[in-house]
Amino acid sequence: MWELVKAGGWLMIPLVLCSIFTVAITIERFIRLKRSMVLPKELLLSGGQDVHHVVQQLQNNQNLQLSSLGRILVSGLNSQKQTEQYARAQMEATASQEIGFLEKNINFLGTLSAVAPLLGLLGTVVGIIESFLVIDMGSNSNPTMMIPGISKALITTAAGMLIAIPALFAYRYFQRLVQEYVAELEQQSTLFHAALYYQNSAVEEQELRKAG
């Protein structure tokens, strides 16, 4: 492996860095975008759970409060004594922040998938130029003198493709996953906000009627 890197020339250095960043970001996003860390099932209202049960889960489990959905719901819960519009604004602000965390480094992964083949192409051009320069500047025109330049061109091209293809797959996968998470976060936030205000208001009205 090290011999291939040496044979590829100086352009292999940025290509190796691209591969390291690609692997590191992919592993980090796989860990960070686990469903249990974004949308824990204990907090999903669509599963038939009552809002009071969700609130109880939030208050009793600190790990749920650290999830993306948990932070959004906690911001609404902490603003419950304020107006409905204020609580909605707080939840939207927290949601925007959480979406930013979910999208972190994904665009950089897309950039790596675009830059790696360009670096490989640049290595191809540099290698071919070096091959022809050797022939032009040499005292004889032995075609075998072109081999190092051609091998450099092929190695950098292959390295660029090997980095770009998995990086592009990872970028598309995480992009789609985040879009699904964002849609579910919006849905759950809306359901929680509605249940927190309108359901409680309905319960209070019924109790007042019974008391009257």
N, C-alpha and C. Protein backbone atom coordinates (compact mmCIF):
# COMPACT_ATOMS: atom_id res chain seq x y z
N MET A 1 0.82 -1.20 0.00
CA MET A 1 0.00 0.00 0.00
C MET A 1 0.87 1.26 0.00
N TRP A 2 1.90 1.25 0.87
CA TRP A 2 2.77 2.42 0.94
C TRP A 2 3.51 2.64 -0.37
N GLU A 3 3.85 1.53 -1.06
CA GLU A 3 4.53 1.65 -2.35
C GLU A 3 3.62 2.31 -3.38
N LEU A 4 2.34 1.99 -3.35
CA LEU A 4 1.39 2.64 -4.26
C LEU A 4 1.28 4.13 -3.98
N VAL A 5 1.25 4.47 -2.69
CA VAL A 5 1.17 5.88 -2.32
C VAL A 5 2.40 6.64 -2.82
N LYS A 6 3.58 6.03 -2.64
CA LYS A 6 4.81 6.66 -3.12
C LYS A 6 4.82 6.78 -4.63
N ALA A 7 4.34 5.75 -5.31
CA ALA A 7 4.34 5.77 -6.78
C ALA A 7 3.35 6.80 -7.32
N GLY A 8 2.32 7.12 -6.55
CA GLY A 8 1.32 8.08 -7.01
C GLY A 8 1.78 9.52 -6.97
N GLY A 9 2.87 9.78 -6.28
CA GLY A 9 3.41 11.14 -6.24
C GLY A 9 2.77 11.99 -5.15
N TRP A 10 3.06 13.28 -5.19
CA TRP A 10 2.64 14.20 -4.13
C TRP A 10 1.12 14.37 -4.07
N LEU A 11 0.42 14.13 -5.17
CA LEU A 11 -1.04 14.27 -5.15
C LEU A 11 -1.73 13.18 -4.32
N MET A 12 -0.98 12.14 -3.98
CA MET A 12 -1.56 11.11 -3.12
C MET A 12 -1.76 11.62 -1.69
N ILE A 13 -1.02 12.67 -1.31
CA ILE A 13 -1.16 13.21 0.05
C ILE A 13 -2.57 13.78 0.27
N PRO A 14 -3.07 14.69 -0.59
CA PRO A 14 -4.45 15.16 -0.39
C PRO A 14 -5.48 14.06 -0.58
N LEU A 15 -5.17 13.08 -1.44
CA LEU A 15 -6.12 11.97 -1.63
C LEU A 15 -6.21 11.11 -0.37
N VAL A 16 -5.07 10.87 0.27
CA VAL A 16 -5.08 10.11 1.52
C VAL A 16 -5.84 10.89 2.60
N LEU A 17 -5.64 12.20 2.65
CA LEU A 17 -6.38 13.02 3.62
C LEU A 17 -7.88 12.96 3.35
N CYS A 18 -8.27 12.98 2.07
CA CYS A 18 -9.69 12.86 1.72
C CYS A 18 -10.26 11.53 2.20
N SER A 19 -9.49 10.47 2.05
CA SER A 19 -9.98 9.15 2.49
C SER A 19 -10.13 9.10 4.00
N ILE A 20 -9.18 9.72 4.73
CA ILE A 20 -9.26 9.73 6.20
C ILE A 20 -10.50 10.52 6.65
N PHE A 21 -10.71 11.69 6.06
CA PHE A 21 -11.89 12.50 6.42
C PHE A 21 -13.18 11.76 6.08
N THR A 22 -13.20 11.07 4.95
CA THR A 22 -14.40 10.34 4.53
C THR A 22 -14.76 9.25 5.54
N VAL A 23 -13.77 8.48 5.93
CA VAL A 23 -14.00 7.39 6.89
C VAL A 23 -14.42 7.97 8.26
N ALA A 24 -13.73 9.02 8.70
CA ALA A 24 -14.02 9.60 10.02
C ALA A 24 -15.43 10.18 10.06
N ILE A 25 -15.82 10.93 9.02
CA ILE A 25 -17.15 11.54 9.00
C ILE A 25 -18.23 10.47 8.91
N THR A 26 -18.00 9.45 8.09
CA THR A 26 -18.99 8.38 7.93
C THR A 26 -19.24 7.67 9.25
N ILE A 27 -18.17 7.33 9.96
CA ILE A 27 -18.33 6.64 11.26
C ILE A 27 -19.03 7.55 12.27
N GLU A 28 -18.61 8.83 12.31
CA GLU A 28 -19.22 9.77 13.26
C GLU A 28 -20.70 9.97 12.98
N ARG A 29 -21.09 10.07 11.71
CA ARG A 29 -22.50 10.27 11.36
C ARG A 29 -23.32 9.01 11.63
N PHE A 30 -22.74 7.83 11.40
CA PHE A 30 -23.46 6.59 11.71
C PHE A 30 -23.80 6.53 13.19
N ILE A 31 -22.86 6.96 14.03
CA ILE A 31 -23.09 6.93 15.47
C ILE A 31 -24.09 8.02 15.88
N ARG A 32 -23.89 9.22 15.36
CA ARG A 32 -24.73 10.36 15.77
C ARG A 32 -26.15 10.26 15.23
N LEU A 33 -26.34 9.63 14.09
CA LEU A 33 -27.66 9.58 13.47
C LEU A 33 -28.40 8.28 13.75
N LYS A 34 -28.03 7.61 14.83
CA LYS A 34 -28.82 6.45 15.25
C LYS A 34 -30.21 6.93 15.64
N ARG A 35 -31.20 6.17 15.27
CA ARG A 35 -32.58 6.59 15.51
C ARG A 35 -32.86 6.81 16.99
N SER A 36 -32.26 6.01 17.84
CA SER A 36 -32.50 6.14 19.28
C SER A 36 -31.96 7.45 19.83
N MET A 37 -31.01 8.08 19.13
CA MET A 37 -30.45 9.35 19.57
C MET A 37 -31.16 10.54 18.95
N VAL A 38 -32.02 10.29 17.99
CA VAL A 38 -32.76 11.37 17.33
C VAL A 38 -34.24 11.31 17.67
N LEU A 39 -34.83 10.14 17.45
CA LEU A 39 -36.28 9.97 17.67
C LEU A 39 -36.52 8.72 18.52
N PRO A 40 -36.24 8.79 19.82
CA PRO A 40 -36.49 7.62 20.66
C PRO A 40 -37.97 7.26 20.68
N LYS A 41 -38.24 5.97 20.62
CA LYS A 41 -39.64 5.53 20.51
C LYS A 41 -40.46 5.87 21.74
N GLU A 42 -39.80 6.08 22.87
CA GLU A 42 -40.53 6.42 24.10
C GLU A 42 -41.20 7.79 24.01
N LEU A 43 -40.77 8.63 23.06
CA LEU A 43 -41.30 9.99 22.96
C LEU A 43 -42.23 10.18 21.77
N LEU A 44 -42.51 9.11 21.03
CA LEU A 44 -43.33 9.25 19.82
C LEU A 44 -44.81 9.22 20.18
N LEU A 45 -45.49 10.31 19.91
CA LEU A 45 -46.93 10.39 20.20
C LEU A 45 -47.76 9.58 19.22
N SER A 46 -47.24 9.38 18.01
CA SER A 46 -48.00 8.65 16.99
C SER A 46 -48.19 7.19 17.36
N GLY A 47 -47.43 6.70 18.36
CA GLY A 47 -47.57 5.30 18.77
C GLY A 47 -48.73 5.08 19.71
N GLY A 48 -49.60 6.07 19.86
CA GLY A 48 -50.75 5.95 20.74
C GLY A 48 -50.48 6.36 22.17
N GLN A 49 -49.29 6.91 22.42
CA GLN A 49 -48.95 7.34 23.77
C GLN A 49 -49.62 8.67 24.09
N ASP A 50 -50.01 8.82 25.33
CA ASP A 50 -50.60 10.06 25.79
C ASP A 50 -49.50 11.08 26.08
N VAL A 51 -49.84 12.35 25.92
CA VAL A 51 -48.84 13.40 26.13
C VAL A 51 -48.32 13.40 27.57
N HIS A 52 -49.17 13.05 28.52
CA HIS A 52 -48.74 13.01 29.92
C HIS A 52 -47.71 11.90 30.14
N HIS A 53 -47.86 10.79 29.41
CA HIS A 53 -46.89 9.70 29.49
C HIS A 53 -45.54 10.15 28.93
N VAL A 54 -45.57 10.89 27.83
CA VAL A 54 -44.34 11.40 27.22
C VAL A 54 -43.65 12.37 28.16
N VAL A 55 -44.43 13.25 28.78
CA VAL A 55 -43.87 14.21 29.72
C VAL A 55 -43.22 13.49 30.90
N GLN A 56 -43.87 12.46 31.37
CA GLN A 56 -43.32 11.68 32.48
C GLN A 56 -42.01 10.99 32.09
N GLN A 57 -41.98 10.45 30.86
CA GLN A 57 -40.76 9.83 30.36
C GLN A 57 -39.63 10.84 30.29
N LEU A 58 -39.93 12.05 29.82
CA LEU A 58 -38.91 13.10 29.72
C LEU A 58 -38.36 13.48 31.09
N GLN A 59 -39.24 13.59 32.05
CA GLN A 59 -38.82 14.03 33.38
C GLN A 59 -38.03 12.96 34.12
N ASN A 60 -38.30 11.69 33.81
CA ASN A 60 -37.66 10.60 34.55
C ASN A 60 -36.41 10.04 33.88
N ASN A 61 -36.20 10.35 32.62
CA ASN A 61 -35.08 9.77 31.87
C ASN A 61 -34.24 10.88 31.25
N GLN A 62 -33.06 11.08 31.77
CA GLN A 62 -32.20 12.16 31.28
C GLN A 62 -31.67 11.85 29.88
N ASN A 63 -31.48 10.57 29.56
CA ASN A 63 -30.99 10.20 28.23
C ASN A 63 -31.97 10.62 27.14
N LEU A 64 -33.27 10.54 27.44
CA LEU A 64 -34.28 10.97 26.48
C LEU A 64 -34.21 12.48 26.26
N GLN A 65 -33.86 13.22 27.30
CA GLN A 65 -33.75 14.67 27.18
C GLN A 65 -32.58 15.08 26.28
N LEU A 66 -31.59 14.21 26.14
CA LEU A 66 -30.41 14.51 25.32
C LEU A 66 -30.61 14.18 23.85
N SER A 67 -31.71 13.51 23.52
CA SER A 67 -32.00 13.21 22.12
C SER A 67 -32.49 14.47 21.40
N SER A 68 -32.47 14.44 20.08
CA SER A 68 -32.91 15.62 19.31
C SER A 68 -34.36 15.95 19.60
N LEU A 69 -35.23 14.94 19.54
CA LEU A 69 -36.65 15.16 19.82
C LEU A 69 -36.84 15.58 21.27
N GLY A 70 -36.07 14.97 22.18
CA GLY A 70 -36.19 15.30 23.59
C GLY A 70 -35.88 16.77 23.87
N ARG A 71 -34.85 17.30 23.25
CA ARG A 71 -34.50 18.71 23.45
C ARG A 71 -35.62 19.64 22.96
N ILE A 72 -36.21 19.27 21.82
CA ILE A 72 -37.30 20.09 21.27
C ILE A 72 -38.51 20.07 22.20
N LEU A 73 -38.86 18.88 22.68
CA LEU A 73 -40.03 18.76 23.56
C LEU A 73 -39.79 19.44 24.90
N VAL A 74 -38.57 19.34 25.41
CA VAL A 74 -38.25 19.99 26.68
C VAL A 74 -38.37 21.50 26.56
N SER A 75 -37.94 22.07 25.43
CA SER A 75 -38.06 23.51 25.24
C SER A 75 -39.51 23.95 25.24
N GLY A 76 -40.38 23.13 24.66
CA GLY A 76 -41.81 23.44 24.70
C GLY A 76 -42.39 23.26 26.08
N LEU A 77 -41.94 22.23 26.76
CA LEU A 77 -42.45 21.94 28.10
C LEU A 77 -42.05 23.03 29.08
N ASN A 78 -40.82 23.52 28.95
CA ASN A 78 -40.34 24.59 29.84
C ASN A 78 -41.06 25.92 29.58
N SER A 79 -41.65 26.04 28.39
CA SER A 79 -42.36 27.28 28.03
C SER A 79 -43.88 27.12 28.17
N GLN A 80 -44.30 26.06 28.82
CA GLN A 80 -45.73 25.76 28.88
C GLN A 80 -46.53 26.85 29.60
N LYS A 81 -45.90 27.49 30.59
CA LYS A 81 -46.61 28.52 31.34
C LYS A 81 -46.70 29.84 30.58
N GLN A 82 -45.94 29.94 29.49
CA GLN A 82 -46.01 31.14 28.65
C GLN A 82 -47.15 30.97 27.64
N THR A 83 -47.23 31.89 26.70
CA THR A 83 -48.28 31.81 25.68
C THR A 83 -47.97 30.68 24.71
N GLU A 84 -49.01 30.28 23.99
CA GLU A 84 -48.86 29.22 23.00
C GLU A 84 -47.84 29.62 21.92
N GLN A 85 -47.91 30.88 21.45
CA GLN A 85 -47.00 31.35 20.41
C GLN A 85 -45.55 31.35 20.89
N TYR A 86 -45.34 31.71 22.15
CA TYR A 86 -43.99 31.72 22.70
C TYR A 86 -43.41 30.30 22.75
N ALA A 87 -44.22 29.36 23.20
CA ALA A 87 -43.76 27.96 23.27
C ALA A 87 -43.46 27.42 21.88
N ARG A 88 -44.29 27.76 20.91
CA ARG A 88 -44.06 27.31 19.54
C ARG A 88 -42.74 27.89 19.00
N ALA A 89 -42.50 29.16 19.30
CA ALA A 89 -41.26 29.80 18.84
C ALA A 89 -40.03 29.15 19.47
N GLN A 90 -40.13 28.81 20.73
CA GLN A 90 -39.02 28.16 21.41
C GLN A 90 -38.73 26.79 20.82
N MET A 91 -39.78 26.05 20.52
CA MET A 91 -39.62 24.72 19.94
C MET A 91 -39.04 24.82 18.53
N GLU A 92 -39.48 25.82 17.76
CA GLU A 92 -38.94 25.99 16.41
C GLU A 92 -37.47 26.38 16.45
N ALA A 93 -37.10 27.23 17.39
CA ALA A 93 -35.70 27.63 17.51
C ALA A 93 -34.81 26.44 17.88
N THR A 94 -35.29 25.62 18.82
CA THR A 94 -34.54 24.43 19.21
C THR A 94 -34.47 23.44 18.06
N ALA A 95 -35.56 23.31 17.32
CA ALA A 95 -35.59 22.39 16.17
C ALA A 95 -34.57 22.82 15.10
N SER A 96 -34.48 24.11 14.85
CA SER A 96 -33.51 24.61 13.87
C SER A 96 -32.09 24.27 14.30
N GLN A 97 -31.83 24.40 15.58
CA GLN A 97 -30.51 24.07 16.10
C GLN A 97 -30.22 22.58 15.97
N GLU A 98 -31.21 21.75 16.28
CA GLU A 98 -31.02 20.31 16.20
C GLU A 98 -30.84 19.85 14.75
N ILE A 99 -31.56 20.47 13.82
CA ILE A 99 -31.40 20.13 12.41
C ILE A 99 -29.98 20.46 11.95
N GLY A 100 -29.44 21.58 12.45
CA GLY A 100 -28.06 21.93 12.13
C GLY A 100 -27.09 20.87 12.62
N PHE A 101 -27.34 20.33 13.83
CA PHE A 101 -26.49 19.26 14.36
C PHE A 101 -26.61 17.99 13.51
N LEU A 102 -27.81 17.69 13.05
CA LEU A 102 -28.01 16.49 12.24
C LEU A 102 -27.30 16.60 10.89
N GLU A 103 -27.26 17.81 10.33
CA GLU A 103 -26.66 18.02 9.01
C GLU A 103 -25.16 18.28 9.08
N LYS A 104 -24.61 18.31 10.28
CA LYS A 104 -23.19 18.64 10.46
C LYS A 104 -22.30 17.68 9.66
N ASN A 105 -21.37 18.24 8.90
CA ASN A 105 -20.34 17.51 8.14
C ASN A 105 -20.87 16.75 6.92
N ILE A 106 -22.18 16.70 6.73
CA ILE A 106 -22.70 15.95 5.59
C ILE A 106 -22.36 16.66 4.28
N ASN A 107 -22.49 17.98 4.26
CA ASN A 107 -22.12 18.72 3.05
C ASN A 107 -20.63 18.58 2.76
N PHE A 108 -19.82 18.52 3.81
CA PHE A 108 -18.38 18.33 3.62
C PHE A 108 -18.11 16.97 3.00
N LEU A 109 -18.91 15.98 3.38
CA LEU A 109 -18.78 14.65 2.78
C LEU A 109 -19.10 14.71 1.28
N GLY A 110 -20.11 15.49 0.92
CA GLY A 110 -20.43 15.67 -0.49
C GLY A 110 -19.31 16.38 -1.23
N THR A 111 -18.68 17.35 -0.56
CA THR A 111 -17.54 18.04 -1.17
C THR A 111 -16.38 17.08 -1.42
N LEU A 112 -16.12 16.20 -0.47
CA LEU A 112 -15.05 15.21 -0.65
C LEU A 112 -15.33 14.29 -1.83
N SER A 113 -16.60 13.91 -2.00
CA SER A 113 -16.95 13.03 -3.12
C SER A 113 -16.76 13.71 -4.46
N ALA A 114 -16.81 15.05 -4.48
CA ALA A 114 -16.60 15.80 -5.72
C ALA A 114 -15.13 16.13 -5.94
N VAL A 115 -14.40 16.39 -4.85
CA VAL A 115 -13.00 16.81 -4.97
C VAL A 115 -12.08 15.63 -5.28
N ALA A 116 -12.35 14.46 -4.69
CA ALA A 116 -11.46 13.31 -4.86
C ALA A 116 -11.25 12.93 -6.33
N PRO A 117 -12.30 12.78 -7.16
CA PRO A 117 -12.04 12.44 -8.57
C PRO A 117 -11.32 13.56 -9.32
N LEU A 118 -11.53 14.81 -8.91
CA LEU A 118 -10.82 15.91 -9.56
C LEU A 118 -9.33 15.85 -9.24
N LEU A 119 -9.00 15.49 -8.00
CA LEU A 119 -7.60 15.31 -7.64
C LEU A 119 -7.00 14.14 -8.43
N GLY A 120 -7.78 13.08 -8.58
CA GLY A 120 -7.31 11.95 -9.38
C GLY A 120 -7.09 12.34 -10.83
N LEU A 121 -7.99 13.14 -11.38
CA LEU A 121 -7.84 13.62 -12.75
C LEU A 121 -6.61 14.52 -12.90
N LEU A 122 -6.39 15.35 -11.89
CA LEU A 122 -5.20 16.21 -11.92
C LEU A 122 -3.93 15.35 -11.90
N GLY A 123 -3.96 14.28 -11.09
CA GLY A 123 -2.82 13.36 -11.08
C GLY A 123 -2.61 12.70 -12.42
N THR A 124 -3.70 12.40 -13.12
CA THR A 124 -3.60 11.82 -14.46
C THR A 124 -2.89 12.78 -15.41
N VAL A 125 -3.33 14.02 -15.39
CA VAL A 125 -2.74 15.03 -16.28
C VAL A 125 -1.26 15.25 -15.95
N VAL A 126 -0.96 15.37 -14.65
CA VAL A 126 0.44 15.58 -14.24
C VAL A 126 1.31 14.40 -14.65
N GLY A 127 0.81 13.18 -14.45
CA GLY A 127 1.57 12.00 -14.81
C GLY A 127 1.85 11.92 -16.31
N ILE A 128 0.87 12.23 -17.13
CA ILE A 128 1.05 12.19 -18.58
C ILE A 128 2.03 13.27 -19.03
N ILE A 129 1.90 14.46 -18.43
CA ILE A 129 2.84 15.55 -18.76
C ILE A 129 4.27 15.14 -18.43
N GLU A 130 4.47 14.54 -17.26
CA GLU A 130 5.80 14.09 -16.87
C GLU A 130 6.33 13.04 -17.83
N SER A 131 5.45 12.16 -18.30
CA SER A 131 5.88 11.11 -19.24
C SER A 131 6.40 11.71 -20.53
N PHE A 132 5.69 12.67 -21.08
CA PHE A 132 6.12 13.28 -22.33
C PHE A 132 7.34 14.18 -22.14
N LEU A 133 7.44 14.81 -20.97
CA LEU A 133 8.62 15.63 -20.71
C LEU A 133 9.88 14.78 -20.64
N VAL A 134 9.75 13.59 -20.07
CA VAL A 134 10.90 12.67 -20.01
C VAL A 134 11.36 12.30 -21.40
N ILE A 135 10.43 12.05 -22.30
CA ILE A 135 10.77 11.68 -23.67
C ILE A 135 11.40 12.88 -24.39
N ASP A 136 10.83 14.05 -24.20
CA ASP A 136 11.35 15.24 -24.90
C ASP A 136 12.73 15.64 -24.42
N MET A 137 12.94 15.51 -23.11
CA MET A 137 14.20 15.97 -22.54
C MET A 137 15.28 14.90 -22.53
N GLY A 138 14.90 13.65 -22.75
CA GLY A 138 15.87 12.56 -22.72
C GLY A 138 16.73 12.51 -23.97
N SER A 139 17.87 11.89 -23.83
CA SER A 139 18.79 11.76 -24.98
C SER A 139 18.32 10.72 -25.97
N ASN A 140 17.51 9.76 -25.51
CA ASN A 140 16.94 8.78 -26.42
C ASN A 140 15.43 8.75 -26.23
N SER A 141 14.75 8.13 -27.12
CA SER A 141 13.28 8.09 -27.09
C SER A 141 12.79 6.71 -26.73
N ASN A 142 13.34 6.16 -25.66
CA ASN A 142 12.93 4.84 -25.20
C ASN A 142 11.55 4.95 -24.55
N PRO A 143 10.52 4.27 -25.10
CA PRO A 143 9.16 4.38 -24.55
C PRO A 143 9.05 3.92 -23.10
N THR A 144 9.96 3.06 -22.66
CA THR A 144 9.87 2.57 -21.28
C THR A 144 10.09 3.68 -20.27
N MET A 145 10.69 4.79 -20.68
CA MET A 145 10.90 5.91 -19.78
C MET A 145 9.58 6.58 -19.39
N MET A 146 8.52 6.30 -20.14
CA MET A 146 7.22 6.90 -19.85
C MET A 146 6.45 6.14 -18.77
N ILE A 147 6.94 4.95 -18.41
CA ILE A 147 6.19 4.08 -17.50
C ILE A 147 5.94 4.72 -16.14
N PRO A 148 6.94 5.34 -15.49
CA PRO A 148 6.67 5.94 -14.16
C PRO A 148 5.57 7.00 -14.21
N GLY A 149 5.60 7.85 -15.23
CA GLY A 149 4.58 8.88 -15.34
C GLY A 149 3.20 8.30 -15.58
N ILE A 150 3.13 7.29 -16.43
CA ILE A 150 1.84 6.66 -16.72
C ILE A 150 1.29 5.94 -15.49
N SER A 151 2.17 5.25 -14.76
CA SER A 151 1.72 4.55 -13.55
C SER A 151 1.21 5.55 -12.51
N LYS A 152 1.89 6.70 -12.40
CA LYS A 152 1.42 7.75 -11.49
C LYS A 152 0.03 8.22 -11.89
N ALA A 153 -0.18 8.39 -13.19
CA ALA A 153 -1.48 8.85 -13.69
C ALA A 153 -2.57 7.84 -13.34
N LEU A 154 -2.29 6.56 -13.54
CA LEU A 154 -3.30 5.52 -13.29
C LEU A 154 -3.58 5.36 -11.80
N ILE A 155 -2.54 5.44 -10.98
CA ILE A 155 -2.71 5.25 -9.53
C ILE A 155 -3.56 6.37 -8.94
N THR A 156 -3.26 7.62 -9.30
CA THR A 156 -4.04 8.74 -8.74
C THR A 156 -5.49 8.71 -9.22
N THR A 157 -5.69 8.32 -10.48
CA THR A 157 -7.07 8.21 -10.98
C THR A 157 -7.86 7.16 -10.22
N ALA A 158 -7.25 5.99 -10.04
CA ALA A 158 -7.92 4.90 -9.31
C ALA A 158 -8.18 5.31 -7.86
N ALA A 159 -7.20 5.97 -7.23
CA ALA A 159 -7.37 6.38 -5.84
C ALA A 159 -8.51 7.39 -5.71
N GLY A 160 -8.58 8.35 -6.64
CA GLY A 160 -9.66 9.33 -6.60
C GLY A 160 -11.03 8.69 -6.72
N MET A 161 -11.16 7.71 -7.61
CA MET A 161 -12.45 7.01 -7.79
C MET A 161 -12.80 6.17 -6.56
N LEU A 162 -11.78 5.49 -6.00
CA LEU A 162 -12.03 4.64 -4.84
C LEU A 162 -12.49 5.44 -3.63
N ILE A 163 -12.07 6.68 -3.56
CA ILE A 163 -12.51 7.54 -2.46
C ILE A 163 -13.87 8.16 -2.76
N ALA A 164 -14.05 8.62 -4.00
CA ALA A 164 -15.26 9.37 -4.36
C ALA A 164 -16.51 8.50 -4.33
N ILE A 165 -16.42 7.26 -4.79
CA ILE A 165 -17.62 6.42 -4.91
C ILE A 165 -18.26 6.13 -3.54
N PRO A 166 -17.50 5.61 -2.54
CA PRO A 166 -18.15 5.40 -1.22
C PRO A 166 -18.54 6.71 -0.55
N ALA A 167 -17.77 7.78 -0.78
CA ALA A 167 -18.13 9.07 -0.19
C ALA A 167 -19.45 9.58 -0.74
N LEU A 168 -19.67 9.37 -2.03
CA LEU A 168 -20.93 9.81 -2.64
C LEU A 168 -22.11 8.98 -2.13
N PHE A 169 -21.91 7.67 -1.99
CA PHE A 169 -22.96 6.81 -1.44
C PHE A 169 -23.31 7.23 -0.02
N ALA A 170 -22.27 7.48 0.80
CA ALA A 170 -22.51 7.90 2.19
C ALA A 170 -23.21 9.25 2.24
N TYR A 171 -22.81 10.16 1.38
CA TYR A 171 -23.43 11.50 1.35
C TYR A 171 -24.91 11.40 1.02
N ARG A 172 -25.25 10.64 -0.02
CA ARG A 172 -26.66 10.50 -0.41
C ARG A 172 -27.47 9.80 0.68
N TYR A 173 -26.87 8.80 1.31
CA TYR A 173 -27.59 8.06 2.36
C TYR A 173 -27.89 8.96 3.55
N PHE A 174 -26.88 9.68 4.04
CA PHE A 174 -27.07 10.55 5.19
C PHE A 174 -28.00 11.72 4.86
N GLN A 175 -27.91 12.22 3.64
CA GLN A 175 -28.79 13.31 3.23
C GLN A 175 -30.25 12.87 3.27
N ARG A 176 -30.54 11.68 2.74
CA ARG A 176 -31.91 11.17 2.76
C ARG A 176 -32.36 10.87 4.19
N LEU A 177 -31.46 10.32 5.01
CA LEU A 177 -31.80 9.98 6.38
C LEU A 177 -32.16 11.23 7.19
N VAL A 178 -31.39 12.29 7.01
CA VAL A 178 -31.65 13.53 7.73
C VAL A 178 -32.97 14.14 7.29
N GLN A 179 -33.28 14.06 5.99
CA GLN A 179 -34.56 14.57 5.51
C GLN A 179 -35.73 13.83 6.16
N GLU A 180 -35.60 12.52 6.31
CA GLU A 180 -36.65 11.74 6.97
C GLU A 180 -36.77 12.12 8.45
N TYR A 181 -35.63 12.30 9.10
CA TYR A 181 -35.64 12.69 10.51
C TYR A 181 -36.28 14.06 10.70
N VAL A 182 -35.94 15.01 9.82
CA VAL A 182 -36.49 16.36 9.93
C VAL A 182 -38.01 16.34 9.79
N ALA A 183 -38.51 15.56 8.84
CA ALA A 183 -39.96 15.45 8.65
C ALA A 183 -40.63 14.87 9.90
N GLU A 184 -40.03 13.86 10.49
CA GLU A 184 -40.61 13.25 11.69
C GLU A 184 -40.51 14.18 12.90
N LEU A 185 -39.40 14.90 13.00
CA LEU A 185 -39.25 15.85 14.10
C LEU A 185 -40.32 16.94 14.03
N GLU A 186 -40.58 17.43 12.84
CA GLU A 186 -41.62 18.45 12.66
C GLU A 186 -42.99 17.90 13.03
N GLN A 187 -43.26 16.66 12.61
CA GLN A 187 -44.55 16.05 12.92
C GLN A 187 -44.72 15.84 14.42
N GLN A 188 -43.71 15.30 15.07
CA GLN A 188 -43.80 15.04 16.51
C GLN A 188 -43.88 16.33 17.30
N SER A 189 -43.16 17.36 16.88
CA SER A 189 -43.22 18.65 17.57
C SER A 189 -44.61 19.26 17.48
N THR A 190 -45.22 19.17 16.31
CA THR A 190 -46.57 19.70 16.12
C THR A 190 -47.59 18.94 16.98
N LEU A 191 -47.47 17.61 17.00
CA LEU A 191 -48.38 16.79 17.80
C LEU A 191 -48.23 17.10 19.28
N PHE A 192 -46.98 17.24 19.73
CA PHE A 192 -46.74 17.51 21.14
C PHE A 192 -47.27 18.89 21.54
N HIS A 193 -47.02 19.87 20.69
CA HIS A 193 -47.50 21.22 20.98
C HIS A 193 -49.02 21.26 21.05
N ALA A 194 -49.67 20.60 20.10
CA ALA A 194 -51.13 20.57 20.08
C ALA A 194 -51.67 19.85 21.31
N ALA A 195 -51.05 18.72 21.65
CA ALA A 195 -51.52 17.95 22.80
C ALA A 195 -51.27 18.71 24.10
N LEU A 196 -50.15 19.41 24.15
CA LEU A 196 -49.77 20.11 25.37
C LEU A 196 -50.74 21.25 25.70
N TYR A 197 -51.24 21.91 24.66
CA TYR A 197 -52.11 23.06 24.89
C TYR A 197 -53.59 22.72 24.72
N TYR A 198 -53.93 22.16 23.56
CA TYR A 198 -55.34 21.94 23.26
C TYR A 198 -55.92 20.79 24.05
N GLN A 199 -55.15 19.71 24.21
CA GLN A 199 -55.66 18.57 24.97
C GLN A 199 -55.82 18.94 26.44
N ASN A 200 -54.84 19.65 26.98
CA ASN A 200 -54.95 20.07 28.38
C ASN A 200 -56.11 21.04 28.59
N SER A 201 -56.29 21.93 27.60
CA SER A 201 -57.41 22.87 27.69
C SER A 201 -58.75 22.15 27.67
N ALA A 202 -58.85 21.12 26.83
CA ALA A 202 -60.09 20.36 26.75
C ALA A 202 -60.36 19.62 28.05
N VAL A 203 -59.28 19.07 28.65
CA VAL A 203 -59.45 18.35 29.92
C VAL A 203 -59.89 19.32 31.02
N GLU A 204 -59.30 20.50 31.04
CA GLU A 204 -59.67 21.49 32.06
C GLU A 204 -61.11 21.92 31.89
N GLU A 205 -61.56 22.10 30.67
CA GLU A 205 -62.95 22.50 30.42
C GLU A 205 -63.92 21.44 30.90
N GLN A 206 -63.58 20.16 30.64
CA GLN A 206 -64.45 19.06 31.07
C GLN A 206 -64.53 19.02 32.61
N GLU A 207 -63.39 19.24 33.27
CA GLU A 207 -63.40 19.22 34.74
C GLU A 207 -64.21 20.37 35.31
N LEU A 208 -64.13 21.54 34.64
CA LEU A 208 -64.91 22.69 35.09
C LEU A 208 -66.40 22.43 34.92
N ARG A 209 -66.76 21.79 33.81
CA ARG A 209 -68.17 21.48 33.57
C ARG A 209 -68.71 20.50 34.62
N LYS A 210 -67.86 19.49 34.93
CA LYS A 210 -68.28 18.51 35.94
C LYS A 210 -68.43 19.19 37.30
N ALA A 211 -67.48 20.09 37.60
CA ALA A 211 -67.53 20.78 38.88
C ALA A 211 -68.72 21.73 38.96
N GLY A 212 -69.10 22.30 37.76
CA GLY A 212 -70.24 23.20 37.73
C GLY A 212 -71.54 22.46 37.82
